[in-house]
């Protein structure tokens, strides 16, 4: 697994020992090609960060700030190793050790993020309807600024769901992986 573009394009990442399913290189390349105009200078929130590949891809492509949210100990070890290997400076982002839903349940006091990336464990996400829960949390909590973007990675072929306050911009399949890009309505 390697970064697909930006200042650190081609650099290797590890997922060793983390019992995670990182986003495939070709899928990350497609996501960030679609978001090319959004990334430079953006504030990015990487939920269910795992190896950190999505947030690191954003950082490599010019995001101003990235927060990686992860609570699994093996995944955190992997995430920290990847940030250290790429020498991500402290002023470029931070790791938030927290459960995603506990974190998003509290209002965000800052200006909000421009982009939220979410690649959860597929089965748990389906069983517990995480897509709807995150849509609701991001729609009301101030974590994502009005007009901001949300990328949801999943699997399956069911028609995309509609959520109040969101516009579906893109729904693409890459083999078994499916990526939905939504934009939060302006207030």
N, C-alpha and C. Protein backbone atom coordinates (compact mmCIF):
# COMPACT_ATOMS: atom_id res chain seq x y z
N UNK A 1 0.85 -1.17 0.00
CA UNK A 1 0.00 0.00 0.00
C UNK A 1 0.90 1.23 0.00
N UNK A 2 0.54 2.18 -0.87
CA UNK A 2 1.36 3.40 -0.96
C UNK A 2 0.47 4.61 -1.21
N UNK A 3 1.00 5.80 -0.91
CA UNK A 3 0.28 7.03 -1.23
C UNK A 3 0.28 7.20 -2.74
N UNK A 4 -0.84 7.67 -3.28
CA UNK A 4 -1.00 7.72 -4.74
C UNK A 4 -0.70 9.08 -5.35
N UNK A 5 -0.51 10.10 -4.54
CA UNK A 5 -0.25 11.41 -5.12
C UNK A 5 0.23 12.42 -4.10
N UNK A 6 0.55 13.60 -4.60
CA UNK A 6 0.99 14.68 -3.73
C UNK A 6 2.47 14.63 -3.44
N UNK A 7 2.87 15.40 -2.44
CA UNK A 7 4.29 15.55 -2.10
C UNK A 7 4.94 14.25 -1.63
N UNK A 8 4.15 13.31 -1.15
CA UNK A 8 4.67 12.04 -0.67
C UNK A 8 4.16 10.86 -1.50
N UNK A 9 3.66 11.15 -2.71
CA UNK A 9 3.18 10.10 -3.60
C UNK A 9 4.23 9.03 -3.81
N UNK A 10 3.80 7.78 -3.76
CA UNK A 10 4.71 6.65 -3.93
C UNK A 10 5.28 6.11 -2.63
N UNK A 11 5.17 6.88 -1.55
CA UNK A 11 5.70 6.41 -0.26
C UNK A 11 4.84 5.26 0.27
N UNK A 12 5.51 4.28 0.83
CA UNK A 12 4.82 3.09 1.35
C UNK A 12 4.18 3.35 2.70
N UNK A 13 3.03 2.72 2.91
CA UNK A 13 2.34 2.72 4.19
C UNK A 13 2.25 1.28 4.66
N UNK A 14 2.08 1.10 5.95
CA UNK A 14 1.93 -0.24 6.50
C UNK A 14 0.54 -0.40 7.12
N UNK A 15 0.05 -1.61 7.09
CA UNK A 15 -1.16 -1.97 7.82
C UNK A 15 -0.87 -3.20 8.68
N UNK A 16 0.40 -3.48 8.85
CA UNK A 16 0.84 -4.70 9.53
C UNK A 16 0.30 -4.79 10.95
N UNK A 17 -0.29 -5.93 11.27
CA UNK A 17 -0.72 -6.23 12.62
C UNK A 17 -1.92 -5.45 13.11
N UNK A 18 -2.56 -4.70 12.25
CA UNK A 18 -3.65 -3.85 12.71
C UNK A 18 -5.03 -4.47 12.54
N UNK A 19 -5.14 -5.61 11.85
CA UNK A 19 -6.43 -6.27 11.61
C UNK A 19 -7.44 -5.27 11.04
N UNK A 20 -7.00 -4.55 10.02
CA UNK A 20 -7.84 -3.55 9.37
C UNK A 20 -7.87 -3.81 7.87
N UNK A 21 -8.79 -3.15 7.18
CA UNK A 21 -8.92 -3.24 5.74
C UNK A 21 -8.71 -1.84 5.17
N UNK A 22 -7.47 -1.49 4.85
CA UNK A 22 -7.23 -0.15 4.33
C UNK A 22 -7.87 0.05 2.95
N UNK A 23 -8.20 1.28 2.65
CA UNK A 23 -8.73 1.61 1.33
C UNK A 23 -7.67 1.30 0.28
N UNK A 24 -8.06 0.59 -0.76
CA UNK A 24 -7.12 0.22 -1.83
C UNK A 24 -6.56 1.46 -2.51
N UNK A 25 -5.33 1.32 -3.02
CA UNK A 25 -4.67 2.43 -3.70
C UNK A 25 -5.53 3.01 -4.82
N UNK A 26 -6.10 2.14 -5.67
CA UNK A 26 -6.87 2.63 -6.82
C UNK A 26 -8.12 3.39 -6.37
N UNK A 27 -8.71 2.97 -5.25
CA UNK A 27 -9.89 3.65 -4.73
C UNK A 27 -9.50 5.02 -4.17
N UNK A 28 -8.40 5.06 -3.41
CA UNK A 28 -7.92 6.35 -2.89
C UNK A 28 -7.59 7.31 -4.02
N UNK A 29 -6.93 6.80 -5.06
CA UNK A 29 -6.57 7.65 -6.20
C UNK A 29 -7.83 8.24 -6.83
N UNK A 30 -8.88 7.43 -6.97
CA UNK A 30 -10.13 7.91 -7.56
C UNK A 30 -10.81 8.95 -6.66
N UNK A 31 -10.85 8.68 -5.36
CA UNK A 31 -11.47 9.63 -4.42
C UNK A 31 -10.77 10.97 -4.50
N UNK A 32 -9.45 10.96 -4.44
CA UNK A 32 -8.72 12.22 -4.37
C UNK A 32 -8.61 12.92 -5.72
N UNK A 33 -8.78 12.18 -6.79
CA UNK A 33 -8.88 12.82 -8.11
C UNK A 33 -10.18 13.62 -8.18
N UNK A 34 -11.25 13.04 -7.67
CA UNK A 34 -12.55 13.72 -7.63
C UNK A 34 -12.49 14.97 -6.75
N UNK A 35 -11.74 14.90 -5.66
CA UNK A 35 -11.68 15.99 -4.68
C UNK A 35 -10.48 16.92 -4.88
N UNK A 36 -9.83 16.84 -6.03
CA UNK A 36 -8.57 17.57 -6.26
C UNK A 36 -8.67 19.06 -5.95
N UNK A 37 -9.79 19.68 -6.26
CA UNK A 37 -9.92 21.13 -6.01
C UNK A 37 -10.27 21.45 -4.56
N UNK A 38 -10.70 20.47 -3.81
CA UNK A 38 -11.12 20.67 -2.42
C UNK A 38 -9.95 20.54 -1.44
N UNK A 39 -8.99 19.68 -1.74
CA UNK A 39 -7.96 19.28 -0.79
C UNK A 39 -6.96 20.38 -0.41
N UNK A 40 -6.37 21.11 -1.35
CA UNK A 40 -5.34 22.09 -0.94
C UNK A 40 -5.88 23.09 0.09
N UNK A 41 -5.23 23.14 1.24
CA UNK A 41 -5.62 24.05 2.31
C UNK A 41 -6.79 23.58 3.16
N UNK A 42 -7.34 22.41 2.88
CA UNK A 42 -8.54 21.94 3.59
C UNK A 42 -8.22 21.43 4.99
N UNK A 43 -9.24 21.49 5.83
CA UNK A 43 -9.22 20.84 7.15
C UNK A 43 -9.99 19.53 6.98
N UNK A 44 -9.32 18.42 7.31
CA UNK A 44 -9.85 17.09 7.01
C UNK A 44 -9.99 16.27 8.29
N UNK A 45 -11.11 15.57 8.41
CA UNK A 45 -11.38 14.67 9.53
C UNK A 45 -11.46 13.25 8.97
N UNK A 46 -10.58 12.37 9.43
CA UNK A 46 -10.52 10.98 8.98
C UNK A 46 -11.09 10.09 10.08
N UNK A 47 -12.34 9.66 9.91
CA UNK A 47 -13.02 8.82 10.90
C UNK A 47 -12.72 7.35 10.63
N UNK A 48 -12.63 6.55 11.70
CA UNK A 48 -12.26 5.13 11.58
C UNK A 48 -10.93 5.06 10.82
N UNK A 49 -9.96 5.81 11.27
CA UNK A 49 -8.73 6.06 10.51
C UNK A 49 -7.92 4.81 10.19
N UNK A 50 -7.93 3.81 11.05
CA UNK A 50 -7.16 2.60 10.76
C UNK A 50 -5.70 2.92 10.53
N UNK A 51 -5.19 2.59 9.36
CA UNK A 51 -3.78 2.85 9.01
C UNK A 51 -3.51 4.33 8.78
N UNK A 52 -4.57 5.12 8.63
CA UNK A 52 -4.41 6.54 8.35
C UNK A 52 -4.29 6.87 6.88
N UNK A 53 -4.46 5.87 6.01
CA UNK A 53 -4.20 6.05 4.58
C UNK A 53 -5.02 7.19 3.96
N UNK A 54 -6.30 7.30 4.29
CA UNK A 54 -7.11 8.36 3.68
C UNK A 54 -6.63 9.74 4.12
N UNK A 55 -6.45 9.93 5.41
CA UNK A 55 -5.98 11.23 5.90
C UNK A 55 -4.58 11.55 5.43
N UNK A 56 -3.71 10.55 5.35
CA UNK A 56 -2.35 10.77 4.85
C UNK A 56 -2.36 11.15 3.38
N UNK A 57 -3.27 10.57 2.62
CA UNK A 57 -3.41 10.94 1.21
C UNK A 57 -3.81 12.41 1.10
N UNK A 58 -4.75 12.84 1.95
CA UNK A 58 -5.16 14.25 1.94
C UNK A 58 -3.99 15.15 2.33
N UNK A 59 -3.25 14.77 3.36
CA UNK A 59 -2.09 15.56 3.80
C UNK A 59 -1.05 15.65 2.69
N UNK A 60 -0.75 14.54 2.05
CA UNK A 60 0.24 14.52 0.97
C UNK A 60 -0.18 15.42 -0.19
N UNK A 61 -1.49 15.58 -0.37
CA UNK A 61 -2.01 16.38 -1.48
C UNK A 61 -2.30 17.83 -1.09
N UNK A 62 -1.87 18.23 0.10
CA UNK A 62 -1.94 19.65 0.46
C UNK A 62 -2.96 20.07 1.48
N UNK A 63 -3.62 19.13 2.16
CA UNK A 63 -4.54 19.52 3.23
C UNK A 63 -3.76 20.27 4.30
N UNK A 64 -4.36 21.32 4.85
CA UNK A 64 -3.69 22.14 5.87
C UNK A 64 -3.67 21.45 7.23
N UNK A 65 -4.68 20.65 7.52
CA UNK A 65 -4.80 20.03 8.84
C UNK A 65 -5.60 18.74 8.69
N UNK A 66 -5.15 17.68 9.36
CA UNK A 66 -5.86 16.41 9.35
C UNK A 66 -5.98 15.90 10.78
N UNK A 67 -7.18 15.47 11.15
CA UNK A 67 -7.38 14.77 12.42
C UNK A 67 -7.78 13.35 12.11
N UNK A 68 -6.99 12.41 12.63
CA UNK A 68 -7.25 10.98 12.46
C UNK A 68 -7.94 10.48 13.71
N UNK A 69 -9.15 9.94 13.59
CA UNK A 69 -9.91 9.45 14.74
C UNK A 69 -9.90 7.93 14.72
N UNK A 70 -9.38 7.36 15.78
CA UNK A 70 -9.26 5.89 15.88
C UNK A 70 -9.23 5.51 17.36
N UNK A 71 -9.79 4.34 17.69
CA UNK A 71 -9.75 3.89 19.08
C UNK A 71 -9.21 2.48 19.25
N UNK A 72 -9.01 1.75 18.18
CA UNK A 72 -8.47 0.39 18.28
C UNK A 72 -6.97 0.41 18.51
N UNK A 73 -6.51 -0.30 19.54
CA UNK A 73 -5.08 -0.26 19.89
C UNK A 73 -4.17 -0.74 18.76
N UNK A 74 -4.45 -1.88 18.10
CA UNK A 74 -3.57 -2.28 17.00
C UNK A 74 -3.56 -1.26 15.85
N UNK A 75 -4.73 -0.73 15.54
CA UNK A 75 -4.82 0.28 14.47
C UNK A 75 -4.07 1.55 14.86
N UNK A 76 -4.15 1.94 16.12
CA UNK A 76 -3.43 3.13 16.59
C UNK A 76 -1.92 2.95 16.45
N UNK A 77 -1.42 1.76 16.77
CA UNK A 77 0.02 1.50 16.59
C UNK A 77 0.41 1.66 15.13
N UNK A 78 -0.39 1.12 14.24
CA UNK A 78 -0.14 1.22 12.80
C UNK A 78 -0.22 2.67 12.34
N UNK A 79 -1.24 3.38 12.77
CA UNK A 79 -1.43 4.79 12.42
C UNK A 79 -0.24 5.63 12.87
N UNK A 80 0.16 5.45 14.12
CA UNK A 80 1.31 6.21 14.63
C UNK A 80 2.59 5.89 13.84
N UNK A 81 2.77 4.62 13.50
CA UNK A 81 3.96 4.23 12.72
C UNK A 81 3.95 4.90 11.35
N UNK A 82 2.79 4.98 10.70
CA UNK A 82 2.71 5.61 9.38
C UNK A 82 2.96 7.12 9.46
N UNK A 83 2.40 7.78 10.46
CA UNK A 83 2.65 9.22 10.61
C UNK A 83 4.12 9.49 10.90
N UNK A 84 4.73 8.63 11.72
CA UNK A 84 6.14 8.80 12.04
C UNK A 84 7.01 8.53 10.81
N UNK A 85 6.71 7.49 10.06
CA UNK A 85 7.51 7.14 8.87
C UNK A 85 7.47 8.26 7.83
N UNK A 86 6.34 8.95 7.73
CA UNK A 86 6.20 10.04 6.76
C UNK A 86 6.59 11.39 7.35
N UNK A 87 6.94 11.40 8.63
CA UNK A 87 7.37 12.61 9.33
C UNK A 87 6.31 13.73 9.22
N UNK A 88 5.07 13.36 9.55
CA UNK A 88 3.99 14.35 9.57
C UNK A 88 4.26 15.30 10.73
N UNK A 89 4.43 16.59 10.45
CA UNK A 89 4.75 17.53 11.53
C UNK A 89 3.54 17.80 12.43
N UNK A 90 3.78 18.17 13.69
CA UNK A 90 2.68 18.42 14.63
C UNK A 90 1.72 19.52 14.17
N UNK A 91 2.19 20.45 13.36
CA UNK A 91 1.29 21.52 12.91
C UNK A 91 0.46 21.11 11.69
N UNK A 92 0.56 19.84 11.27
CA UNK A 92 -0.20 19.35 10.12
C UNK A 92 -1.39 18.49 10.53
N UNK A 93 -1.43 18.07 11.79
CA UNK A 93 -2.55 17.25 12.22
C UNK A 93 -2.29 16.57 13.54
N UNK A 94 -3.26 15.76 13.95
CA UNK A 94 -3.13 15.04 15.21
C UNK A 94 -4.00 13.79 15.18
N UNK A 95 -3.66 12.87 16.05
CA UNK A 95 -4.46 11.67 16.26
C UNK A 95 -5.39 11.93 17.43
N UNK A 96 -6.66 11.62 17.24
CA UNK A 96 -7.65 11.72 18.31
C UNK A 96 -8.04 10.29 18.69
N UNK A 97 -7.70 9.91 19.90
CA UNK A 97 -8.03 8.56 20.38
C UNK A 97 -9.42 8.63 20.99
N UNK A 98 -10.40 8.18 20.22
CA UNK A 98 -11.79 8.29 20.67
C UNK A 98 -12.68 7.40 19.82
N UNK A 99 -13.80 7.02 20.40
CA UNK A 99 -14.87 6.38 19.65
C UNK A 99 -15.52 7.45 18.77
N UNK A 100 -15.72 7.16 17.51
CA UNK A 100 -16.26 8.13 16.57
C UNK A 100 -17.59 8.71 17.05
N UNK A 101 -18.49 7.85 17.52
CA UNK A 101 -19.82 8.33 17.89
C UNK A 101 -19.80 9.14 19.18
N UNK A 102 -18.95 8.79 20.12
CA UNK A 102 -18.80 9.61 21.32
C UNK A 102 -18.25 10.98 20.96
N UNK A 103 -17.27 11.00 20.09
CA UNK A 103 -16.67 12.26 19.66
C UNK A 103 -17.69 13.15 18.95
N UNK A 104 -18.41 12.59 17.99
CA UNK A 104 -19.35 13.38 17.19
C UNK A 104 -20.60 13.79 17.97
N UNK A 105 -20.84 13.16 19.12
CA UNK A 105 -22.03 13.52 19.90
C UNK A 105 -21.89 14.88 20.58
N UNK A 106 -20.65 15.33 20.74
CA UNK A 106 -20.42 16.65 21.34
C UNK A 106 -20.27 17.68 20.22
N UNK A 107 -20.85 18.86 20.39
CA UNK A 107 -20.70 19.89 19.35
C UNK A 107 -19.24 20.27 19.16
N UNK A 108 -18.89 20.59 17.93
CA UNK A 108 -17.53 21.04 17.62
C UNK A 108 -17.50 22.55 17.75
N UNK A 109 -16.54 23.06 18.49
CA UNK A 109 -16.49 24.49 18.80
C UNK A 109 -15.79 25.31 17.72
N UNK A 110 -15.00 24.69 16.87
CA UNK A 110 -14.24 25.43 15.87
C UNK A 110 -15.04 25.74 14.62
N UNK A 111 -14.32 26.10 13.57
CA UNK A 111 -14.94 26.48 12.30
C UNK A 111 -15.47 25.27 11.53
N UNK A 112 -15.15 24.09 11.93
CA UNK A 112 -15.61 22.90 11.24
C UNK A 112 -14.62 22.46 10.17
N UNK A 113 -14.79 21.24 9.73
CA UNK A 113 -13.91 20.66 8.73
C UNK A 113 -14.50 20.88 7.34
N UNK A 114 -13.62 20.87 6.34
CA UNK A 114 -14.04 21.00 4.95
C UNK A 114 -14.40 19.65 4.35
N UNK A 115 -13.79 18.60 4.89
CA UNK A 115 -13.95 17.26 4.33
C UNK A 115 -13.89 16.24 5.46
N UNK A 116 -14.85 15.32 5.44
CA UNK A 116 -14.85 14.19 6.37
C UNK A 116 -14.73 12.91 5.55
N UNK A 117 -13.76 12.08 5.91
CA UNK A 117 -13.53 10.80 5.26
C UNK A 117 -13.93 9.70 6.24
N UNK A 118 -14.73 8.75 5.80
CA UNK A 118 -15.18 7.69 6.70
C UNK A 118 -15.12 6.34 5.98
N UNK A 119 -14.27 5.47 6.48
CA UNK A 119 -14.11 4.11 5.95
C UNK A 119 -14.25 3.15 7.13
N UNK A 120 -15.50 2.92 7.57
CA UNK A 120 -15.72 2.09 8.75
C UNK A 120 -15.64 0.60 8.41
N UNK A 121 -15.60 -0.24 9.44
CA UNK A 121 -15.75 -1.69 9.20
C UNK A 121 -17.12 -1.93 8.56
N UNK A 122 -17.14 -2.50 7.38
CA UNK A 122 -18.37 -2.60 6.60
C UNK A 122 -19.52 -3.29 7.33
N UNK A 123 -19.26 -4.46 7.90
CA UNK A 123 -20.34 -5.23 8.52
C UNK A 123 -20.95 -4.51 9.71
N UNK A 124 -20.11 -4.01 10.61
CA UNK A 124 -20.63 -3.26 11.77
C UNK A 124 -21.41 -2.04 11.32
N UNK A 125 -20.90 -1.35 10.32
CA UNK A 125 -21.56 -0.15 9.83
C UNK A 125 -22.96 -0.46 9.31
N UNK A 126 -23.10 -1.57 8.61
CA UNK A 126 -24.42 -1.96 8.09
C UNK A 126 -25.34 -2.38 9.22
N UNK A 127 -24.84 -3.26 10.10
CA UNK A 127 -25.65 -3.80 11.19
C UNK A 127 -26.18 -2.70 12.10
N UNK A 128 -25.37 -1.67 12.34
CA UNK A 128 -25.74 -0.64 13.31
C UNK A 128 -26.11 0.70 12.66
N UNK A 129 -26.28 0.69 11.35
CA UNK A 129 -26.72 1.86 10.58
C UNK A 129 -25.85 3.10 10.84
N UNK A 130 -24.55 2.89 10.78
CA UNK A 130 -23.61 3.98 11.05
C UNK A 130 -23.71 5.10 10.02
N UNK A 131 -24.06 4.77 8.79
CA UNK A 131 -24.15 5.82 7.76
C UNK A 131 -25.18 6.87 8.17
N UNK A 132 -26.36 6.44 8.59
CA UNK A 132 -27.40 7.38 9.01
C UNK A 132 -26.99 8.13 10.27
N UNK A 133 -26.34 7.44 11.20
CA UNK A 133 -25.92 8.10 12.44
C UNK A 133 -24.88 9.19 12.16
N UNK A 134 -23.95 8.90 11.26
CA UNK A 134 -22.93 9.90 10.95
C UNK A 134 -23.52 11.04 10.14
N UNK A 135 -24.43 10.74 9.22
CA UNK A 135 -25.10 11.80 8.47
C UNK A 135 -25.80 12.77 9.42
N UNK A 136 -26.49 12.23 10.42
CA UNK A 136 -27.20 13.07 11.38
C UNK A 136 -26.22 13.87 12.23
N UNK A 137 -25.17 13.22 12.72
CA UNK A 137 -24.19 13.92 13.57
C UNK A 137 -23.47 15.03 12.81
N UNK A 138 -23.02 14.73 11.61
CA UNK A 138 -22.30 15.75 10.83
C UNK A 138 -23.23 16.87 10.38
N UNK A 139 -24.50 16.56 10.25
CA UNK A 139 -25.46 17.57 9.82
C UNK A 139 -25.79 18.59 10.89
N UNK A 140 -25.55 18.26 12.17
CA UNK A 140 -25.98 19.15 13.25
C UNK A 140 -24.91 19.60 14.21
N UNK A 141 -23.78 18.96 14.24
CA UNK A 141 -22.85 19.15 15.35
C UNK A 141 -21.78 20.21 15.14
N UNK A 142 -21.68 20.77 13.94
CA UNK A 142 -20.64 21.75 13.67
C UNK A 142 -19.31 21.15 13.25
N UNK A 143 -19.22 19.82 13.22
CA UNK A 143 -17.97 19.18 12.81
C UNK A 143 -17.65 19.44 11.35
N UNK A 144 -18.66 19.47 10.50
CA UNK A 144 -18.48 19.72 9.07
C UNK A 144 -19.12 21.05 8.74
N UNK A 145 -18.36 21.93 8.11
CA UNK A 145 -18.89 23.26 7.79
C UNK A 145 -19.98 23.15 6.72
N UNK A 146 -20.88 24.13 6.64
CA UNK A 146 -21.87 24.14 5.57
C UNK A 146 -21.15 24.14 4.21
N UNK A 147 -21.63 23.32 3.30
CA UNK A 147 -20.99 23.19 1.99
C UNK A 147 -19.84 22.21 1.98
N UNK A 148 -19.53 21.62 3.14
CA UNK A 148 -18.42 20.67 3.24
C UNK A 148 -18.79 19.31 2.63
N UNK A 149 -17.78 18.48 2.45
CA UNK A 149 -17.93 17.20 1.78
C UNK A 149 -17.74 16.03 2.75
N UNK A 150 -18.47 14.94 2.47
CA UNK A 150 -18.38 13.73 3.27
C UNK A 150 -18.23 12.54 2.33
N UNK A 151 -17.15 11.79 2.50
CA UNK A 151 -16.91 10.57 1.73
C UNK A 151 -17.22 9.38 2.62
N UNK A 152 -18.09 8.50 2.13
CA UNK A 152 -18.47 7.29 2.86
C UNK A 152 -18.07 6.08 2.02
N UNK A 153 -17.22 5.22 2.59
CA UNK A 153 -16.80 4.00 1.89
C UNK A 153 -17.56 2.82 2.46
N UNK A 154 -18.08 1.98 1.57
CA UNK A 154 -18.88 0.83 1.97
C UNK A 154 -18.75 -0.26 0.91
N UNK A 155 -19.66 -1.20 0.96
CA UNK A 155 -19.76 -2.22 -0.08
C UNK A 155 -21.23 -2.42 -0.39
N UNK A 156 -21.53 -3.12 -1.46
CA UNK A 156 -22.92 -3.41 -1.78
C UNK A 156 -23.44 -2.61 -2.95
N UNK A 157 -24.63 -3.01 -3.38
CA UNK A 157 -25.21 -2.40 -4.58
C UNK A 157 -26.59 -1.80 -4.32
N UNK A 158 -26.99 -1.69 -3.08
CA UNK A 158 -28.29 -1.10 -2.77
C UNK A 158 -28.32 0.35 -3.24
N UNK A 159 -29.49 0.86 -3.62
CA UNK A 159 -29.56 2.27 -4.01
C UNK A 159 -29.06 3.16 -2.88
N UNK A 160 -28.38 4.26 -3.22
CA UNK A 160 -27.89 5.15 -2.16
C UNK A 160 -29.04 5.75 -1.38
N UNK A 161 -28.81 5.95 -0.12
CA UNK A 161 -29.83 6.52 0.75
C UNK A 161 -29.79 8.04 0.67
N UNK A 162 -30.93 8.63 0.92
CA UNK A 162 -31.01 10.09 1.01
C UNK A 162 -31.11 10.47 2.47
N UNK A 163 -30.42 11.56 2.82
CA UNK A 163 -30.45 12.06 4.18
C UNK A 163 -30.78 13.54 4.14
N UNK A 164 -31.62 14.03 5.06
CA UNK A 164 -31.94 15.46 5.09
C UNK A 164 -30.67 16.29 5.28
N UNK A 165 -30.56 17.36 4.51
CA UNK A 165 -29.43 18.26 4.64
C UNK A 165 -28.23 17.88 3.79
N UNK A 166 -28.35 16.83 2.98
CA UNK A 166 -27.23 16.33 2.18
C UNK A 166 -27.62 16.18 0.72
N UNK A 167 -26.67 16.43 -0.17
CA UNK A 167 -26.82 16.16 -1.59
C UNK A 167 -25.81 15.09 -1.98
N UNK A 168 -26.29 14.04 -2.62
CA UNK A 168 -25.39 13.00 -3.12
C UNK A 168 -24.79 13.50 -4.43
N UNK A 169 -23.46 13.62 -4.46
CA UNK A 169 -22.76 14.10 -5.65
C UNK A 169 -22.24 12.97 -6.51
N UNK A 170 -21.90 11.86 -5.87
CA UNK A 170 -21.26 10.78 -6.62
C UNK A 170 -21.47 9.45 -5.90
N UNK A 171 -21.71 8.41 -6.68
CA UNK A 171 -21.85 7.04 -6.18
C UNK A 171 -21.12 6.15 -7.17
N UNK A 172 -19.95 5.64 -6.76
CA UNK A 172 -19.12 4.85 -7.67
C UNK A 172 -18.69 3.54 -7.01
N UNK A 173 -18.66 2.49 -7.82
CA UNK A 173 -18.17 1.20 -7.36
C UNK A 173 -16.80 0.94 -7.97
N UNK A 174 -15.92 0.39 -7.15
CA UNK A 174 -14.58 -0.03 -7.56
C UNK A 174 -14.44 -1.47 -7.11
N UNK A 175 -14.84 -2.40 -7.97
CA UNK A 175 -14.92 -3.79 -7.55
C UNK A 175 -16.00 -3.92 -6.49
N UNK A 176 -15.67 -4.52 -5.36
CA UNK A 176 -16.64 -4.69 -4.28
C UNK A 176 -16.78 -3.43 -3.41
N UNK A 177 -15.88 -2.48 -3.59
CA UNK A 177 -15.90 -1.25 -2.78
C UNK A 177 -16.78 -0.20 -3.44
N UNK A 178 -17.54 0.47 -2.62
CA UNK A 178 -18.43 1.53 -3.10
C UNK A 178 -18.10 2.81 -2.35
N UNK A 179 -18.03 3.92 -3.07
CA UNK A 179 -17.71 5.21 -2.47
C UNK A 179 -18.83 6.19 -2.79
N UNK A 180 -19.36 6.80 -1.74
CA UNK A 180 -20.40 7.82 -1.89
C UNK A 180 -19.83 9.16 -1.45
N UNK A 181 -20.02 10.16 -2.27
CA UNK A 181 -19.58 11.52 -1.95
C UNK A 181 -20.81 12.39 -1.80
N UNK A 182 -20.93 13.00 -0.63
CA UNK A 182 -22.07 13.88 -0.35
C UNK A 182 -21.56 15.27 0.02
N UNK A 183 -22.43 16.24 -0.20
CA UNK A 183 -22.11 17.61 0.20
C UNK A 183 -23.20 18.10 1.15
N UNK A 184 -22.75 18.71 2.23
CA UNK A 184 -23.68 19.26 3.22
C UNK A 184 -24.30 20.54 2.66
N UNK A 185 -25.60 20.68 2.84
CA UNK A 185 -26.28 21.88 2.35
C UNK A 185 -25.74 23.13 3.05
N UNK A 186 -25.72 24.22 2.31
CA UNK A 186 -25.37 25.52 2.90
C UNK A 186 -26.51 25.90 3.84
N UNK A 187 -26.17 26.61 4.90
CA UNK A 187 -27.23 27.00 5.86
C UNK A 187 -27.96 28.22 5.40
